PDB file of all heavy atoms in Angstrom:
ATOM      1  N   THR A   1       0.845  -1.188   0.000  1.00  0.00           N
ATOM      2  CA  THR A   1       0.000   0.000   0.000  1.00  0.00           C
ATOM      3  C   THR A   1       0.881   1.239   0.000  1.00  0.00           C
ATOM      4  O   THR A   1       1.968   1.236   0.579  1.00  0.00           O
ATOM      5  CB  THR A   1      -0.944   0.032   1.220  1.00  0.00           C
ATOM      6  OG1 THR A   1      -1.689   1.261   1.206  1.00  0.00           O
ATOM      7  CG2 THR A   1      -0.178  -0.034   2.528  1.00  0.00           C
ATOM      8  N   ASP A   2       0.418   2.281  -0.643  1.00  0.00           N
ATOM      9  CA  ASP A   2       1.176   3.532  -0.701  1.00  0.00           C
ATOM     10  C   ASP A   2       0.540   4.624   0.148  1.00  0.00           C
ATOM     11  O   ASP A   2       0.961   5.784   0.098  1.00  0.00           O
ATOM     12  CB  ASP A   2       1.293   4.007  -2.155  1.00  0.00           C
ATOM     13  CG  ASP A   2       2.119   3.048  -2.992  1.00  0.00           C
ATOM     14  OD1 ASP A   2       3.162   2.590  -2.492  1.00  0.00           O
ATOM     15  OD2 ASP A   2       1.725   2.742  -4.133  1.00  0.00           O
ATOM     16  N   GLY A   3      -0.468   4.272   0.923  1.00  0.00           N
ATOM     17  CA  GLY A   3      -1.104   5.237   1.801  1.00  0.00           C
ATOM     18  C   GLY A   3      -0.485   5.238   3.191  1.00  0.00           C
ATOM     19  O   GLY A   3       0.390   4.427   3.521  1.00  0.00           O
ATOM     20  N   MET A   4      -0.942   6.155   4.025  1.00  0.00           N
ATOM     21  CA  MET A   4      -0.495   6.238   5.411  1.00  0.00           C
ATOM     22  C   MET A   4      -1.676   6.644   6.275  1.00  0.00           C
ATOM     23  O   MET A   4      -2.414   7.569   5.935  1.00  0.00           O
ATOM     24  CB  MET A   4       0.648   7.253   5.566  1.00  0.00           C
ATOM     25  CG  MET A   4       1.107   7.466   7.011  1.00  0.00           C
ATOM     26  SD  MET A   4       2.689   8.331   7.143  1.00  0.00           S
ATOM     27  CE  MET A   4       2.367   9.842   6.223  1.00  0.00           C
ATOM     28  N   ASP A   5      -1.856   5.938   7.393  1.00  0.00           N
ATOM     29  CA  ASP A   5      -2.923   6.226   8.343  1.00  0.00           C
ATOM     30  C   ASP A   5      -2.334   6.835   9.605  1.00  0.00           C
ATOM     31  O   ASP A   5      -1.322   6.343  10.127  1.00  0.00           O
ATOM     32  CB  ASP A   5      -3.678   4.943   8.716  1.00  0.00           C
ATOM     33  CG  ASP A   5      -4.369   4.303   7.531  1.00  0.00           C
ATOM     34  OD1 ASP A   5      -4.796   5.050   6.631  1.00  0.00           O
ATOM     35  OD2 ASP A   5      -4.483   3.060   7.506  1.00  0.00           O
ATOM     36  N   LEU A   6      -2.981   7.875  10.106  1.00  0.00           N
ATOM     37  CA  LEU A   6      -2.546   8.548  11.326  1.00  0.00           C
ATOM     38  C   LEU A   6      -3.619   8.417  12.400  1.00  0.00           C
ATOM     39  O   LEU A   6      -4.812   8.546  12.104  1.00  0.00           O
ATOM     40  CB  LEU A   6      -2.260  10.032  11.064  1.00  0.00           C
ATOM     41  CG  LEU A   6      -1.277  10.365   9.940  1.00  0.00           C
ATOM     42  CD1 LEU A   6      -1.082  11.875   9.848  1.00  0.00           C
ATOM     43  CD2 LEU A   6       0.068   9.664  10.136  1.00  0.00           C
ATOM     44  N   PHE A   7      -3.183   8.175  13.644  1.00  0.00           N
ATOM     45  CA  PHE A   7      -4.095   8.007  14.767  1.00  0.00           C
ATOM     46  C   PHE A   7      -3.637   8.885  15.927  1.00  0.00           C
ATOM     47  O   PHE A   7      -2.431   9.100  16.124  1.00  0.00           O
ATOM     48  CB  PHE A   7      -4.112   6.558  15.246  1.00  0.00           C
ATOM     49  CG  PHE A   7      -4.473   5.544  14.195  1.00  0.00           C
ATOM     50  CD1 PHE A   7      -3.486   4.975  13.390  1.00  0.00           C
ATOM     51  CD2 PHE A   7      -5.786   5.151  14.004  1.00  0.00           C
ATOM     52  CE1 PHE A   7      -3.808   4.036  12.419  1.00  0.00           C
ATOM     53  CE2 PHE A   7      -6.118   4.217  13.032  1.00  0.00           C
ATOM     54  CZ  PHE A   7      -5.129   3.660  12.238  1.00  0.00           C
ATOM     55  N   VAL A   8      -4.603   9.370  16.706  1.00  0.00           N
ATOM     56  CA  VAL A   8      -4.316  10.109  17.938  1.00  0.00           C
ATOM     57  C   VAL A   8      -5.077   9.429  19.060  1.00  0.00           C
ATOM     58  O   VAL A   8      -6.310   9.438  19.099  1.00  0.00           O
ATOM     59  CB  VAL A   8      -4.742  11.588  17.836  1.00  0.00           C
ATOM     60  CG1 VAL A   8      -4.450  12.305  19.154  1.00  0.00           C
ATOM     61  CG2 VAL A   8      -4.027  12.277  16.677  1.00  0.00           C
ATOM     62  N   SER A   9      -4.331   8.800  19.973  1.00  0.00           N
ATOM     63  CA  SER A   9      -4.923   8.110  21.117  1.00  0.00           C
ATOM     64  C   SER A   9      -4.706   8.956  22.368  1.00  0.00           C
ATOM     65  O   SER A   9      -3.564   9.263  22.717  1.00  0.00           O
ATOM     66  CB  SER A   9      -4.283   6.729  21.286  1.00  0.00           C
ATOM     67  OG  SER A   9      -4.723   6.114  22.473  1.00  0.00           O
ATOM     68  N   ILE A  10      -5.799   9.329  23.026  1.00  0.00           N
ATOM     69  CA  ILE A  10      -5.728  10.253  24.177  1.00  0.00           C
ATOM     70  C   ILE A  10      -6.313   9.577  25.416  1.00  0.00           C
ATOM     71  O   ILE A  10      -7.417   9.026  25.367  1.00  0.00           O
ATOM     72  CB  ILE A  10      -6.506  11.552  23.886  1.00  0.00           C
ATOM     73  CG1 ILE A  10      -5.930  12.259  22.653  1.00  0.00           C
ATOM     74  CG2 ILE A  10      -6.466  12.489  25.092  1.00  0.00           C
ATOM     75  CD1 ILE A  10      -6.743  13.457  22.204  1.00  0.00           C
ATOM     76  N   ALA A  11      -5.565   9.637  26.517  1.00  0.00           N
ATOM     77  CA  ALA A  11      -6.084   9.224  27.822  1.00  0.00           C
ATOM     78  C   ALA A  11      -6.439  10.501  28.583  1.00  0.00           C
ATOM     79  O   ALA A  11      -5.559  11.196  29.084  1.00  0.00           O
ATOM     80  CB  ALA A  11      -5.044   8.409  28.584  1.00  0.00           C
ATOM     81  N   GLU A  12      -7.711  10.825  28.633  1.00  0.00           N
ATOM     82  CA  GLU A  12      -8.143  12.101  29.202  1.00  0.00           C
ATOM     83  C   GLU A  12      -7.818  12.228  30.685  1.00  0.00           C
ATOM     84  O   GLU A  12      -7.635  13.334  31.204  1.00  0.00           O
ATOM     85  CB  GLU A  12      -9.657  12.275  29.000  1.00  0.00           C
ATOM     86  CG  GLU A  12     -10.104  12.307  27.542  1.00  0.00           C
ATOM     87  CD  GLU A  12      -9.707  13.592  26.820  1.00  0.00           C
ATOM     88  OE1 GLU A  12      -9.131  14.482  27.469  1.00  0.00           O
ATOM     89  OE2 GLU A  12      -9.969  13.668  25.608  1.00  0.00           O
ATOM     90  N   ASP A  13      -7.716  11.091  31.391  1.00  0.00           N
ATOM     91  CA  ASP A  13      -7.559  11.160  32.838  1.00  0.00           C
ATOM     92  C   ASP A  13      -6.145  11.480  33.290  1.00  0.00           C
ATOM     93  O   ASP A  13      -5.941  12.033  34.374  1.00  0.00           O
ATOM     94  CB  ASP A  13      -8.018   9.842  33.490  1.00  0.00           C
ATOM     95  CG  ASP A  13      -7.259   8.646  32.944  1.00  0.00           C
ATOM     96  OD1 ASP A  13      -6.721   8.751  31.826  1.00  0.00           O
ATOM     97  OD2 ASP A  13      -7.206   7.611  33.639  1.00  0.00           O
ATOM     98  N   ASN A  14      -5.121  11.144  32.477  1.00  0.00           N
ATOM     99  CA  ASN A  14      -3.746  11.373  32.935  1.00  0.00           C
ATOM    100  C   ASN A  14      -2.881  12.145  31.952  1.00  0.00           C
ATOM    101  O   ASN A  14      -1.666  12.266  32.150  1.00  0.00           O
ATOM    102  CB  ASN A  14      -3.083  10.039  33.272  1.00  0.00           C
ATOM    103  CG  ASN A  14      -2.990   9.106  32.076  1.00  0.00           C
ATOM    104  OD1 ASN A  14      -3.230   9.511  30.936  1.00  0.00           O
ATOM    105  ND2 ASN A  14      -2.636   7.851  32.326  1.00  0.00           N
ATOM    106  N   GLY A  15      -3.458  12.666  30.886  1.00  0.00           N
ATOM    107  CA  GLY A  15      -2.706  13.494  29.951  1.00  0.00           C
ATOM    108  C   GLY A  15      -1.778  12.735  29.028  1.00  0.00           C
ATOM    109  O   GLY A  15      -0.937  13.336  28.359  1.00  0.00           O
ATOM    110  N   HIS A  16      -1.907  11.417  28.976  1.00  0.00           N
ATOM    111  CA  HIS A  16      -1.062  10.641  28.081  1.00  0.00           C
ATOM    112  C   HIS A  16      -1.652  10.628  26.668  1.00  0.00           C
ATOM    113  O   HIS A  16      -2.855  10.475  26.489  1.00  0.00           O
ATOM    114  CB  HIS A  16      -0.925   9.207  28.591  1.00  0.00           C
ATOM    115  CG  HIS A  16      -0.101   9.098  29.828  1.00  0.00           C
ATOM    116  ND1 HIS A  16       0.171   7.892  30.445  1.00  0.00           N
ATOM    117  CD2 HIS A  16       0.510  10.043  30.584  1.00  0.00           C
ATOM    118  CE1 HIS A  16       0.915   8.099  31.517  1.00  0.00           C
ATOM    119  NE2 HIS A  16       1.135   9.396  31.621  1.00  0.00           N
ATOM    120  N   VAL A  17      -0.771  10.787  25.684  1.00  0.00           N
ATOM    121  CA  VAL A  17      -1.169  10.791  24.276  1.00  0.00           C
ATOM    122  C   VAL A  17      -0.203   9.896  23.510  1.00  0.00           C
ATOM    123  O   VAL A  17       1.005   9.905  23.771  1.00  0.00           O
ATOM    124  CB  VAL A  17      -1.148  12.213  23.680  1.00  0.00           C
ATOM    125  CG1 VAL A  17      -1.475  12.184  22.191  1.00  0.00           C
ATOM    126  CG2 VAL A  17      -2.100  13.129  24.423  1.00  0.00           C
ATOM    127  N   ARG A  18      -0.730   9.133  22.566  1.00  0.00           N
ATOM    128  CA  ARG A  18       0.109   8.391  21.632  1.00  0.00           C
ATOM    129  C   ARG A  18      -0.258   8.812  20.211  1.00  0.00           C
ATOM    130  O   ARG A  18      -1.413   8.683  19.803  1.00  0.00           O
ATOM    131  CB  ARG A  18      -0.064   6.882  21.807  1.00  0.00           C
ATOM    132  CG  ARG A  18       0.508   6.360  23.112  1.00  0.00           C
ATOM    133  CD  ARG A  18       0.181   4.900  23.329  1.00  0.00           C
ATOM    134  NE  ARG A  18       0.814   4.037  22.336  1.00  0.00           N
ATOM    135  CZ  ARG A  18       0.640   2.709  22.283  1.00  0.00           C
ATOM    136  NH1 ARG A  18      -0.170   2.122  23.148  1.00  0.00           N
ATOM    137  NH2 ARG A  18       1.250   1.999  21.357  1.00  0.00           N
ATOM    138  N   LEU A  19       0.723   9.346  19.500  1.00  0.00           N
ATOM    139  CA  LEU A  19       0.577   9.679  18.093  1.00  0.00           C
ATOM    140  C   LEU A  19       1.122   8.507  17.294  1.00  0.00           C
ATOM    141  O   LEU A  19       2.280   8.114  17.466  1.00  0.00           O
ATOM    142  CB  LEU A  19       1.355  10.949  17.748  1.00  0.00           C
ATOM    143  CG  LEU A  19       1.078  12.182  18.616  1.00  0.00           C
ATOM    144  CD1 LEU A  19       2.046  13.303  18.247  1.00  0.00           C
ATOM    145  CD2 LEU A  19      -0.356  12.637  18.462  1.00  0.00           C
ATOM    146  N   ILE A  20       0.305   7.946  16.416  1.00  0.00           N
ATOM    147  CA  ILE A  20       0.684   6.701  15.744  1.00  0.00           C
ATOM    148  C   ILE A  20       0.483   6.833  14.237  1.00  0.00           C
ATOM    149  O   ILE A  20      -0.558   7.313  13.779  1.00  0.00           O
ATOM    150  CB  ILE A  20      -0.147   5.513  16.280  1.00  0.00           C
ATOM    151  CG1 ILE A  20       0.055   5.369  17.798  1.00  0.00           C
ATOM    152  CG2 ILE A  20       0.240   4.217  15.567  1.00  0.00           C
ATOM    153  CD1 ILE A  20      -0.862   4.356  18.443  1.00  0.00           C
ATOM    154  N   ALA A  21       1.496   6.409  13.504  1.00  0.00           N
ATOM    155  CA  ALA A  21       1.406   6.339  12.036  1.00  0.00           C
ATOM    156  C   ALA A  21       1.574   4.892  11.604  1.00  0.00           C
ATOM    157  O   ALA A  21       2.460   4.184  12.099  1.00  0.00           O
ATOM    158  CB  ALA A  21       2.472   7.206  11.386  1.00  0.00           C
ATOM    159  N   ARG A  22       0.723   4.463  10.683  1.00  0.00           N
ATOM    160  CA  ARG A  22       0.845   3.126  10.091  1.00  0.00           C
ATOM    161  C   ARG A  22       1.040   3.300   8.588  1.00  0.00           C
ATOM    162  O   ARG A  22       0.243   3.965   7.922  1.00  0.00           O
ATOM    163  CB  ARG A  22      -0.407   2.295  10.370  1.00  0.00           C
ATOM    164  CG  ARG A  22      -0.373   0.897   9.735  1.00  0.00           C
ATOM    165  CD  ARG A  22      -1.618   0.108  10.096  1.00  0.00           C
ATOM    166  NE  ARG A  22      -2.832   0.799   9.639  1.00  0.00           N
ATOM    167  CZ  ARG A  22      -4.060   0.521  10.076  1.00  0.00           C
ATOM    168  NH1 ARG A  22      -4.237  -0.394  11.006  1.00  0.00           N
ATOM    169  NH2 ARG A  22      -5.099   1.182   9.605  1.00  0.00           N
ATOM    170  N   LEU A  23       2.095   2.713   8.071  1.00  0.00           N
ATOM    171  CA  LEU A  23       2.402   2.836   6.648  1.00  0.00           C
ATOM    172  C   LEU A  23       3.161   1.609   6.188  1.00  0.00           C
ATOM    173  O   LEU A  23       3.535   0.747   6.991  1.00  0.00           O
ATOM    174  CB  LEU A  23       3.204   4.112   6.361  1.00  0.00           C
ATOM    175  CG  LEU A  23       4.594   4.226   7.001  1.00  0.00           C
ATOM    176  CD1 LEU A  23       5.493   5.122   6.126  1.00  0.00           C
ATOM    177  CD2 LEU A  23       4.518   4.838   8.405  1.00  0.00           C
ATOM    178  N   ASP A  24       3.391   1.532   4.913  1.00  0.00           N
ATOM    179  CA  ASP A  24       4.189   0.478   4.302  1.00  0.00           C
ATOM    180  C   ASP A  24       5.586   1.050   4.090  1.00  0.00           C
ATOM    181  O   ASP A  24       5.762   2.031   3.368  1.00  0.00           O
ATOM    182  CB  ASP A  24       3.550   0.070   2.973  1.00  0.00           C
ATOM    183  CG  ASP A  24       4.260  -1.095   2.292  1.00  0.00           C
ATOM    184  OD1 ASP A  24       5.411  -1.400   2.647  1.00  0.00           O
ATOM    185  OD2 ASP A  24       3.658  -1.687   1.370  1.00  0.00           O
ATOM    186  N   ASN A  25       6.587   0.430   4.706  1.00  0.00           N
ATOM    187  CA  ASN A  25       7.948   0.950   4.568  1.00  0.00           C
ATOM    188  C   ASN A  25       8.432   0.929   3.118  1.00  0.00           C
ATOM    189  O   ASN A  25       9.322   1.693   2.742  1.00  0.00           O
ATOM    190  CB  ASN A  25       8.921   0.165   5.444  1.00  0.00           C
ATOM    191  CG  ASN A  25       8.947  -1.314   5.131  1.00  0.00           C
ATOM    192  OD1 ASN A  25       7.989  -2.033   5.437  1.00  0.00           O
ATOM    193  ND2 ASN A  25      10.024  -1.775   4.522  1.00  0.00           N
ATOM    194  N   LEU A  26       7.849   0.065   2.282  1.00  0.00           N
ATOM    195  CA  LEU A  26       8.193   0.036   0.862  1.00  0.00           C
ATOM    196  C   LEU A  26       7.249   0.888   0.015  1.00  0.00           C
ATOM    197  O   LEU A  26       7.470   1.052  -1.182  1.00  0.00           O
ATOM    198  CB  LEU A  26       8.170  -1.406   0.338  1.00  0.00           C
ATOM    199  CG  LEU A  26       9.222  -2.350   0.923  1.00  0.00           C
ATOM    200  CD1 LEU A  26       9.056  -3.748   0.347  1.00  0.00           C
ATOM    201  CD2 LEU A  26      10.627  -1.837   0.660  1.00  0.00           C
ATOM    202  N   GLY A  27       6.176   1.401   0.635  1.00  0.00           N
ATOM    203  CA  GLY A  27       5.190   2.209  -0.076  1.00  0.00           C
ATOM    204  C   GLY A  27       5.454   3.685   0.141  1.00  0.00           C
ATOM    205  O   GLY A  27       6.376   4.264  -0.441  1.00  0.00           O
ATOM    206  N   LYS A  28       4.630   4.320   0.990  1.00  0.00           N
ATOM    207  CA  LYS A  28       4.856   5.731   1.314  1.00  0.00           C
ATOM    208  C   LYS A  28       6.231   5.940   1.934  1.00  0.00           C
ATOM    209  O   LYS A  28       6.792   7.031   1.885  1.00  0.00           O
ATOM    210  CB  LYS A  28       3.749   6.219   2.261  1.00  0.00           C
ATOM    211  CG  LYS A  28       3.848   7.688   2.680  1.00  0.00           C
ATOM    212  CD  LYS A  28       3.762   8.646   1.515  1.00  0.00           C
ATOM    213  CE  LYS A  28       3.632  10.099   2.019  1.00  0.00           C
ATOM    214  NZ  LYS A  28       3.851  11.089   0.932  1.00  0.00           N
ATOM    215  N   GLY A  29       6.796   4.850   2.485  1.00  0.00           N
ATOM    216  CA  GLY A  29       8.129   4.939   3.071  1.00  0.00           C
ATOM    217  C   GLY A  29       9.265   4.809   2.088  1.00  0.00           C
ATOM    218  O   GLY A  29      10.425   4.958   2.474  1.00  0.00           O
ATOM    219  N   ALA A  30       8.980   4.545   0.810  1.00  0.00           N
ATOM    220  CA  ALA A  30      10.072   4.376  -0.163  1.00  0.00           C
ATOM    221  C   ALA A  30       9.556   4.518  -1.591  1.00  0.00           C
ATOM    222  O   ALA A  30       9.466   5.618  -2.131  1.00  0.00           O
ATOM    223  CB  ALA A  30      10.774   3.031   0.039  1.00  0.00           C
TER     224      ALA A  30
END
């Protein structure tokens, strides 16, 4: 795949956030 998906995971109670990207290292990555 040549696309890329972005996610924002938020824990409202403790201020923790995870920014996550999922892609194909041979696709959008190369």
